[in-house]
Structure formats: structure tokens, C-alpha cells
Amino acid sequence: MLHRKIKAGSALTNSVKISIRDLYKVFGADPQTALEHVLNGASKADLLEQYSHVLGLSDINVDMRESEITVIMGLSGSGKSTLIRHLNRLIEPTQGRIEVDGDNVLAYDEAQLRTMRREVMSMVFQKFALLPHRTVAENAGTTLKVRGVAQREYLLEAHKWLSRVGLEGFDKHYPHQLSGGMQQRVGIARALTSNAPIMLMDEAFSALDPLIRTDMQDLLLELQTELQKTIVFITHDLDEALKLADHLVILKDGQIIQQGEPQHILLNPNDTYIEDFVSDINRARVLRVRSIMTTLDGTNAPSNAHGEVDFDDTLESLISTSGGDTSHTYLVMRDGAPVGTLDMKNLVKALVPRAASEAGARKY
């Protein structure tokens, strides 16, 4: 299974590309007055029942770091698509602050906003949003055409990125001649052709069949390893979120329930909602050695290790390596150097969701 290695620049060193602070969105005839009720303690249900307004987002605070994939996930109605549309101001907030590279996006005039949408942020949609009367190459070059780039130049750039996403030779086809997965590849090529440093992806793979969806996820990770874009990815699928995310933000009813490194959230859910959310995940396939190893401190190097494993190996691969023997201990390596140890007994514990293990402890 394809997965990324941890980047040398971790979340502690990557600069903040997008900063969201104290963001609220209320839909209705008088959102500012309705917001006062929210700030005074009214819930989303209260706001709808008593004041006929909808609370879309409530007190959102997120830092999205450069060269990372921030995944925002939640069930339908959680506010995830509303949130991503605030970043390029397709939706205006009721209150809050959004900064890109330190600039307050909410202070942009129309000209600055157009420039940001054309050159700083590209967007990949769930429904592909291809123009049916234009060829694949013309669709991929749309953003450059809008900027006034000559046709020959933008078609050359479009051809380059179509080749990178596996569509070489399809330049002169039309969208209706392509499968759904191929159309979404055109959408990704269009976003890459713009050369924007930020990619917004709103449920980009949700309309695809499972196998095609997996291929698209792998393609995105492959491109990201090289291009190091700042990607904001919206999904309702936890498996997809755990596969793609450097930083995971989980929403419920317009509020952030938990955010952080996906492995940490899976092992340390801070809410019963999150515990229920992650309870059915194949933990062996998702969790990595790095998340459950014991870090070497110079005194705990094992003298009887049964072998070496990679820092970023899945627990599933380690179970295969060990043959399921829980008496084994392994030396964990990263970039050729030992960084930790892993006891198979700790691996077994990690495979049991916390709620289940606590229930078992109470039972006995």
C-alpha cells in the first residue's frame, strides 16, 4: 500500500500557510443578531428552532501548514464544505479572520480576490466542473487562459500535466468521451496547470468507484511527494482522511471536535463521538510503527531484537514480519539510524480501540 514517509520538515517547522481564527458563519436574514445568541450560549438546534437561523460554523481555529495536506472531515451537515469555501471567499464569514501567508483575506478588494483565486488557490470539485464544449487540453488550461496566457503556451502546460496524471494522448478528446476517474484527472491537471501553491479539494474523489478512488488517492500522494503543495482536502470518509492527512480536523455540527496528527487522534480520541467514529477502522492497516514505538534514549537499546523495522511501516506489515509472535521485539529504524524499539505486546494493545479496552477492564 502506497504511503508517504514523514517529511523532514515536520509540523513543528513548516510555516503556517493558512490561519483561521474565531470563525463563525450563520445563515439567515439577520446573521449578526443571531450570532449574538450563539455567543451567549445558543446551540445549533436552539438557533434554528427559536430564531430560524442556521449555524454553519462555530469558533473555528485551524492552522494549515505549508507543504502539508490538511484534511477536514465530518458527516453531512458538519460544515466542512462551508469551511473550505471561506478560504477563497466563495462564502463570507459572519465573524472571524482568515489569513494566507499572513495577509488578511477578508480585507481583499475585488481585484485582490480575483488574483488570489487565479494564482494562489486552485480548486478541484466533486462534480468535475469540466466545460463540455472544450477539449481535455482546453479544460486543463482554463486557469491560464483566464489569466491571458497565449493558447500555444497554456496548451503546452496543460499537456505536461495531463501526462503527469496519466492522460497523455487524450488532449483532443472531450469530457463526455472520458470515464469519471479520467474526468477527475483532468480536474487535477487543471489545478496543477494553474501552478497555484494552494489546492482546495472539496469531496474530490467522493463520486468515484472505490477502486478508482484508491487510484486517485495514490496519484495525489505521489504528486504531493514531489510538488509539496499546501492542500486542503474535504471528505466524509475516515479511511480516506487517515490515508491522506498530515493534519486532520474533525467537525460536528459546525464545530471542531478534535484536530491533530491522524495517528494521535486514532490512538487518543478525546470525545465519545470520535471514539465511535474510529471504532470500525482497520487499525493494523492504518497505524504506523512510529505511533506506538518506545523512543530510544541511549539506555533502552534492545540486546535481543528479532530484527529491524521501518519507522513508517504499518502494523499490518509488522504482524506479517513477526508471524504474529507477541514475544518479539524490534529495533525501529529511520533513515538508516535506530530511533526506537517496538514490543509486539504493545502492538496488540494498540489494535484494540480505547473504549473497548476500557470496557473490558471495567468488566473484570
Protein backbone atom coordinates (compact mmCIF):
# COMPACT_ATOMS: atom_id res chain seq x y z
CA MET A 1 0.00 0.00 0.00
CA LEU A 2 1.34 3.41 -1.01
CA HIS A 3 2.05 5.81 1.80
CA ARG A 4 4.23 8.83 2.36
CA LYS A 5 7.26 8.97 4.55
CA ILE A 6 7.29 11.63 7.24
CA LYS A 7 8.76 14.79 5.74
CA ALA A 8 11.99 16.14 7.07
CA GLY A 9 10.21 19.40 7.83
CA SER A 10 7.62 18.37 10.41
CA ALA A 11 4.56 20.28 11.53
CA LEU A 12 6.79 21.93 14.12
CA THR A 13 8.94 23.59 11.43
CA ASN A 14 6.66 24.07 8.41
CA SER A 15 5.38 27.62 8.31
CA VAL A 16 1.66 28.34 8.60
CA LYS A 17 0.22 28.93 5.13
CA ILE A 18 -3.43 29.45 6.10
CA SER A 19 -4.58 30.60 9.53
CA ILE A 20 -8.23 30.61 10.59
CA ARG A 21 -9.19 32.32 13.83
CA ASP A 22 -12.53 32.66 15.68
CA LEU A 23 -14.51 31.91 12.53
CA TYR A 24 -18.32 31.86 12.68
CA LYS A 25 -20.89 31.52 9.92
CA VAL A 26 -24.61 31.99 10.46
CA PHE A 27 -27.08 31.62 7.59
CA GLY A 28 -30.31 33.61 7.75
CA ALA A 29 -31.94 37.01 7.40
CA ASP A 30 -30.10 38.66 10.30
CA PRO A 31 -26.88 36.72 10.95
CA GLN A 32 -25.21 39.31 13.16
CA THR A 33 -28.09 39.36 15.64
CA ALA A 34 -28.30 35.56 15.52
CA LEU A 35 -24.56 35.36 16.21
CA GLU A 36 -25.08 37.22 19.47
CA HIS A 37 -27.36 34.39 20.59
CA VAL A 38 -24.65 31.87 19.69
CA LEU A 39 -22.03 33.82 21.64
CA ASN A 40 -24.43 33.83 24.58
CA GLY A 41 -24.69 30.04 24.53
CA ALA A 42 -27.39 29.13 21.99
CA SER A 43 -26.77 25.77 20.34
CA LYS A 44 -27.19 24.99 16.65
CA ALA A 45 -30.57 23.39 17.42
CA ASP A 46 -31.63 26.38 19.55
CA LEU A 47 -30.69 28.83 16.83
CA LEU A 48 -32.79 27.02 14.25
CA GLU A 49 -35.79 26.35 16.47
CA GLN A 50 -36.01 29.70 18.26
CA TYR A 51 -34.51 32.16 15.77
CA SER A 52 -34.87 30.45 12.34
CA HIS A 53 -31.16 30.75 11.57
CA VAL A 54 -28.65 28.03 10.73
CA LEU A 55 -25.29 27.86 12.47
CA GLY A 56 -22.85 26.75 9.76
CA LEU A 57 -19.56 27.20 11.63
CA SER A 58 -18.81 27.95 15.26
CA ASP A 59 -15.48 29.17 16.68
CA ILE A 60 -13.21 27.54 14.10
CA ASN A 61 -9.47 27.83 14.80
CA VAL A 62 -7.08 25.95 12.49
CA ASP A 63 -3.53 26.40 11.22
CA MET A 64 -2.84 24.80 7.84
CA ARG A 65 0.88 24.39 7.27
CA GLU A 66 2.84 24.80 4.09
CA SER A 67 3.51 21.65 2.03
CA GLU A 68 1.05 19.57 4.06
CA ILE A 69 -2.34 18.02 3.41
CA THR A 70 -4.93 19.25 5.88
CA VAL A 71 -8.00 17.02 5.75
CA ILE A 72 -11.29 18.39 7.05
CA MET A 73 -13.81 15.64 7.62
CA GLY A 74 -17.21 15.07 9.11
CA LEU A 75 -20.64 13.73 8.27
CA SER A 76 -23.12 15.54 6.04
CA GLY A 77 -24.09 18.86 7.60
CA SER A 78 -20.95 19.12 9.71
CA GLY A 79 -19.79 22.31 7.97
CA LYS A 80 -16.76 21.01 6.10
CA SER A 81 -17.73 22.29 2.63
CA THR A 82 -18.85 25.57 4.16
CA LEU A 83 -15.43 25.93 5.76
CA ILE A 84 -13.38 25.33 2.61
CA ARG A 85 -15.46 27.87 0.69
CA HIS A 86 -14.48 30.52 3.21
CA LEU A 87 -10.82 30.20 2.25
CA ASN A 88 -11.34 31.70 -1.21
CA ARG A 89 -14.35 33.72 -0.05
CA LEU A 90 -16.97 31.94 -2.07
CA ILE A 91 -18.76 32.25 1.28
CA GLU A 92 -18.31 35.29 3.50
CA PRO A 93 -17.95 34.72 7.27
CA THR A 94 -20.24 36.25 9.83
CA GLN A 95 -17.26 36.83 12.10
CA GLY A 96 -13.61 35.81 12.21
CA ARG A 97 -10.26 36.12 10.50
CA ILE A 98 -8.64 34.22 7.62
CA GLU A 99 -5.00 34.81 6.74
CA VAL A 100 -3.00 33.45 3.81
CA ASP A 101 0.76 33.98 4.12
CA GLY A 102 -0.01 36.45 6.89
CA ASP A 103 -2.39 38.58 4.79
CA ASN A 104 -5.97 39.12 5.92
CA VAL A 105 -8.01 37.66 3.04
CA LEU A 106 -11.18 39.28 4.35
CA ALA A 107 -9.69 42.70 3.65
CA TYR A 108 -9.07 41.95 -0.04
CA ASP A 109 -10.86 44.05 -2.65
CA GLU A 110 -12.33 42.50 -5.79
CA ALA A 111 -9.09 42.74 -7.77
CA GLN A 112 -7.03 41.13 -5.00
CA LEU A 113 -9.65 38.41 -4.59
CA ARG A 114 -9.59 37.59 -8.32
CA THR A 115 -5.80 37.38 -8.24
CA MET A 116 -5.89 35.05 -5.25
CA ARG A 117 -8.43 32.75 -6.89
CA ARG A 118 -6.50 32.65 -10.17
CA GLU A 119 -2.92 32.43 -8.92
CA VAL A 120 -2.83 31.39 -5.24
CA MET A 121 -5.68 28.89 -4.81
CA SER A 122 -6.85 26.27 -7.28
CA MET A 123 -9.93 24.16 -6.65
CA VAL A 124 -10.88 20.58 -7.53
CA PHE A 125 -14.59 19.86 -7.32
CA GLN A 126 -16.57 16.69 -6.63
CA LYS A 127 -18.60 17.09 -9.84
CA PHE A 128 -15.51 17.67 -12.04
CA ALA A 129 -16.84 21.04 -13.39
CA LEU A 130 -15.43 20.46 -16.89
CA LEU A 131 -16.68 22.51 -19.82
CA PRO A 132 -18.35 20.02 -22.21
CA HIS A 133 -17.67 22.04 -25.39
CA ARG A 134 -13.92 22.29 -24.73
CA THR A 135 -11.29 19.61 -25.26
CA VAL A 136 -9.47 17.94 -22.39
CA ALA A 137 -6.43 20.12 -23.03
CA GLU A 138 -8.53 23.30 -23.17
CA ASN A 139 -10.20 22.35 -19.89
CA ALA A 140 -6.84 21.69 -18.24
CA GLY A 141 -5.54 25.06 -19.43
CA THR A 142 -8.58 27.06 -18.35
CA THR A 143 -6.91 28.92 -15.48
CA LEU A 144 -4.01 30.07 -17.65
CA LYS A 145 -6.38 31.11 -20.42
CA VAL A 146 -8.31 33.26 -17.95
CA ARG A 147 -5.02 34.95 -17.00
CA GLY A 148 -4.46 35.90 -20.65
CA VAL A 149 -1.75 33.35 -21.44
CA ALA A 150 -1.44 32.62 -25.16
CA GLN A 151 -3.18 29.46 -26.37
CA ARG A 152 0.01 27.75 -27.53
CA GLU A 153 1.62 28.29 -24.13
CA TYR A 154 -1.30 27.14 -21.99
CA LEU A 155 -1.89 24.07 -24.14
CA LEU A 156 1.77 23.08 -23.75
CA GLU A 157 1.49 23.44 -19.98
CA ALA A 158 -1.81 21.55 -19.96
CA HIS A 159 -0.24 18.72 -21.98
CA LYS A 160 2.58 18.43 -19.44
CA TRP A 161 0.22 18.00 -16.51
CA LEU A 162 -2.20 15.75 -18.38
CA SER A 163 0.75 13.43 -18.99
CA ARG A 164 1.63 13.56 -15.29
CA VAL A 165 -1.86 12.44 -14.28
CA GLY A 166 -1.91 9.60 -16.79
CA LEU A 167 -3.86 11.20 -19.62
CA GLU A 168 -1.21 11.54 -22.31
CA GLY A 169 -2.84 11.21 -25.72
CA PHE A 170 -6.26 12.41 -24.56
CA ASP A 171 -5.64 16.13 -25.22
CA LYS A 172 -8.12 16.39 -28.08
CA HIS A 173 -10.87 14.28 -26.51
CA TYR A 174 -13.96 15.85 -24.97
CA PRO A 175 -15.16 15.26 -21.38
CA HIS A 176 -18.06 13.02 -22.44
CA GLN A 177 -15.55 10.63 -24.01
CA LEU A 178 -13.83 10.01 -20.65
CA SER A 179 -14.74 7.88 -17.64
CA GLY A 180 -15.46 9.51 -14.29
CA GLY A 181 -11.98 8.79 -12.99
CA MET A 182 -10.41 10.22 -16.13
CA GLN A 183 -12.54 13.36 -15.86
CA GLN A 184 -11.36 13.87 -12.30
CA ARG A 185 -7.76 13.51 -13.50
CA VAL A 186 -8.48 16.40 -15.87
CA GLY A 187 -9.71 18.38 -12.88
CA ILE A 188 -6.46 17.69 -11.02
CA ALA A 189 -4.41 18.56 -14.12
CA ARG A 190 -6.32 21.86 -14.37
CA ALA A 191 -5.47 22.68 -10.75
CA LEU A 192 -1.80 21.81 -11.32
CA THR A 193 -1.61 23.79 -14.57
CA SER A 194 -2.51 26.92 -12.62
CA ASN A 195 0.73 26.47 -10.62
CA ALA A 196 -1.09 27.73 -7.52
CA PRO A 197 0.67 26.91 -4.23
CA ILE A 198 -2.65 26.03 -2.53
CA MET A 199 -5.07 23.34 -3.74
CA LEU A 200 -8.61 23.17 -2.36
CA MET A 201 -10.24 19.76 -2.92
CA ASP A 202 -13.91 19.51 -1.95
CA GLU A 203 -15.01 15.85 -1.84
CA ALA A 204 -12.86 15.48 -4.95
CA PHE A 205 -13.00 11.67 -5.06
CA SER A 206 -16.40 11.01 -3.48
CA ALA A 207 -18.24 10.42 -6.77
CA LEU A 208 -15.77 7.77 -7.95
CA ASP A 209 -15.97 3.98 -7.70
CA PRO A 210 -13.89 2.53 -4.81
CA LEU A 211 -11.02 1.18 -6.92
CA ILE A 212 -10.76 4.36 -8.99
CA ARG A 213 -10.95 6.38 -5.79
CA THR A 214 -8.00 4.48 -4.36
CA ASP A 215 -6.03 5.11 -7.55
CA MET A 216 -6.77 8.83 -7.30
CA GLN A 217 -5.65 8.94 -3.68
CA ASP A 218 -2.39 7.23 -4.64
CA LEU A 219 -1.93 9.67 -7.52
CA LEU A 220 -2.44 12.64 -5.20
CA LEU A 221 0.11 11.32 -2.70
CA GLU A 222 2.59 10.63 -5.49
CA LEU A 223 2.27 14.16 -6.86
CA GLN A 224 2.38 15.70 -3.39
CA THR A 225 5.67 13.95 -2.58
CA GLU A 226 7.23 15.87 -5.44
CA LEU A 227 5.26 19.12 -5.61
CA GLN A 228 4.76 19.83 -1.87
CA LYS A 229 1.59 21.87 -2.33
CA THR A 230 -0.48 23.11 0.57
CA ILE A 231 -3.63 21.01 0.14
CA VAL A 232 -6.96 21.39 1.94
CA PHE A 233 -8.97 18.22 1.35
CA ILE A 234 -12.62 17.71 2.30
CA THR A 235 -14.03 14.22 2.84
CA HIS A 236 -16.66 12.34 4.81
CA ASP A 237 -14.64 9.11 4.59
CA LEU A 238 -12.38 8.34 7.56
CA ASP A 239 -10.24 5.80 5.69
CA GLU A 240 -9.51 8.42 3.05
CA ALA A 241 -8.77 11.03 5.70
CA LEU A 242 -6.34 8.80 7.56
CA LYS A 243 -4.57 7.88 4.34
CA LEU A 244 -4.10 11.43 3.08
CA ALA A 245 -3.86 13.70 6.11
CA ASP A 246 -0.81 15.27 7.66
CA HIS A 247 -3.22 17.23 9.87
CA LEU A 248 -6.79 16.03 10.47
CA VAL A 249 -9.68 18.25 11.52
CA ILE A 250 -12.94 16.53 12.53
CA LEU A 251 -16.12 18.61 12.51
CA LYS A 252 -19.53 18.00 14.00
CA ASP A 253 -22.43 20.47 13.80
CA GLY A 254 -20.10 23.24 12.64
CA GLN A 255 -17.62 22.80 15.50
CA ILE A 256 -14.16 21.23 15.69
CA ILE A 257 -14.38 18.15 17.91
CA GLN A 258 -10.70 17.20 17.58
CA GLN A 259 -7.75 18.04 15.37
CA GLY A 260 -4.15 16.90 15.13
CA GLU A 261 -1.89 14.25 13.62
CA PRO A 262 -4.17 11.40 12.44
CA GLN A 263 -2.26 8.66 14.22
CA HIS A 264 -2.54 10.55 17.51
CA ILE A 265 -6.29 11.05 17.08
CA LEU A 266 -6.80 7.36 16.33
CA LEU A 267 -4.91 6.34 19.48
CA ASN A 268 -6.18 9.17 21.68
CA PRO A 269 -9.77 10.14 20.82
CA ASN A 270 -10.82 12.96 23.14
CA ASP A 271 -14.57 12.54 22.76
CA THR A 272 -17.08 9.69 22.61
CA TYR A 273 -18.10 10.95 19.16
CA ILE A 274 -14.53 10.45 17.94
CA GLU A 275 -14.32 7.05 19.66
CA ASP A 276 -17.42 5.93 17.77
CA PHE A 277 -16.07 7.45 14.58
CA VAL A 278 -12.83 5.45 14.64
CA SER A 279 -14.15 2.24 16.20
CA ASP A 280 -14.55 0.32 12.94
CA ILE A 281 -11.23 1.33 11.36
CA ASN A 282 -8.75 -1.41 10.42
CA ARG A 283 -6.15 -0.18 12.88
CA ALA A 284 -3.44 -2.59 11.73
CA ARG A 285 -3.63 -1.16 8.23
CA VAL A 286 -3.67 2.49 9.34
CA LEU A 287 -1.41 2.72 12.39
CA ARG A 288 2.34 3.10 11.89
CA VAL A 289 5.27 1.80 13.90
CA ARG A 290 6.23 5.40 14.75
CA SER A 291 2.99 5.89 16.68
CA ILE A 292 3.48 3.09 19.19
CA MET A 293 7.26 2.64 19.41
CA THR A 294 9.31 3.43 22.51
CA THR A 295 11.84 6.15 21.65
CA LEU A 296 15.47 5.27 22.26
CA ASP A 297 17.10 7.39 24.94
CA GLY A 298 20.52 5.77 24.90
CA THR A 299 19.77 3.34 27.73
CA ASN A 300 16.98 1.17 26.36
CA ALA A 301 18.53 -0.26 23.18
CA PRO A 302 17.46 -3.92 22.97
CA SER A 303 20.18 -6.54 23.09
CA ASN A 304 17.91 -9.29 21.77
CA ALA A 305 15.96 -7.61 18.96
CA HIS A 306 14.44 -10.02 16.47
CA GLY A 307 15.13 -7.68 13.58
CA GLU A 308 14.71 -4.17 12.25
CA VAL A 309 11.54 -2.43 11.06
CA ASP A 310 11.00 0.93 9.42
CA PHE A 311 9.71 3.92 11.35
CA ASP A 312 6.79 4.29 8.94
CA ASP A 313 5.82 0.63 8.43
CA THR A 314 2.20 -0.28 9.10
CA LEU A 315 1.35 -2.56 11.99
CA GLU A 316 -0.14 -4.94 9.44
CA SER A 317 3.25 -5.37 7.79
CA LEU A 318 4.90 -5.90 11.19
CA ILE A 319 2.40 -8.61 12.11
CA SER A 320 3.33 -10.35 8.87
CA THR A 321 7.05 -9.95 9.62
CA SER A 322 6.70 -11.38 13.12
CA GLY A 323 4.40 -14.20 12.11
CA GLY A 324 2.10 -12.98 14.89
CA ASP A 325 4.59 -13.89 17.63
CA THR A 326 3.86 -11.50 20.52
CA SER A 327 7.17 -12.29 22.27
CA HIS A 328 9.24 -10.46 19.65
CA THR A 329 10.88 -7.05 19.99
CA TYR A 330 12.13 -4.99 17.04
CA LEU A 331 14.58 -2.16 16.54
CA VAL A 332 12.90 0.75 14.75
CA MET A 333 14.98 2.43 12.04
CA ARG A 334 14.59 5.81 10.38
CA ASP A 335 16.87 6.88 7.53
CA GLY A 336 19.30 4.13 8.48
CA ALA A 337 19.58 5.07 12.15
CA PRO A 338 17.91 3.41 15.18
CA VAL A 339 15.27 5.64 16.74
CA GLY A 340 13.16 3.31 18.89
CA THR A 341 12.00 -0.14 19.85
CA LEU A 342 8.71 -1.90 19.40
CA ASP A 343 7.42 -4.66 21.63
CA MET A 344 4.80 -6.82 19.93
CA LYS A 345 2.74 -6.81 23.13
CA ASN A 346 2.31 -3.05 22.72
CA LEU A 347 1.26 -3.60 19.13
CA VAL A 348 -1.53 -5.94 20.24
CA LYS A 349 -2.77 -3.36 22.75
CA ALA A 350 -2.83 -0.68 20.05
CA LEU A 351 -5.13 -2.79 17.88
CA VAL A 352 -7.92 -2.60 20.47
CA PRO A 353 -9.94 0.66 20.43
CA ARG A 354 -9.64 2.53 23.69
CA ALA A 355 -13.35 2.39 24.50
CA ALA A 356 -13.37 -1.38 24.03
CA SER A 357 -10.27 -1.91 26.17
CA GLU A 358 -11.65 0.29 28.96
CA ALA A 359 -14.98 -1.59 28.86
CA GLY A 360 -13.08 -4.86 29.17
CA ALA A 361 -11.11 -3.56 32.14
CA ARG A 362 -14.29 -2.47 33.91
CA LYS A 363 -15.87 -5.86 33.27
CA TYR A 364 -13.09 -7.64 35.10
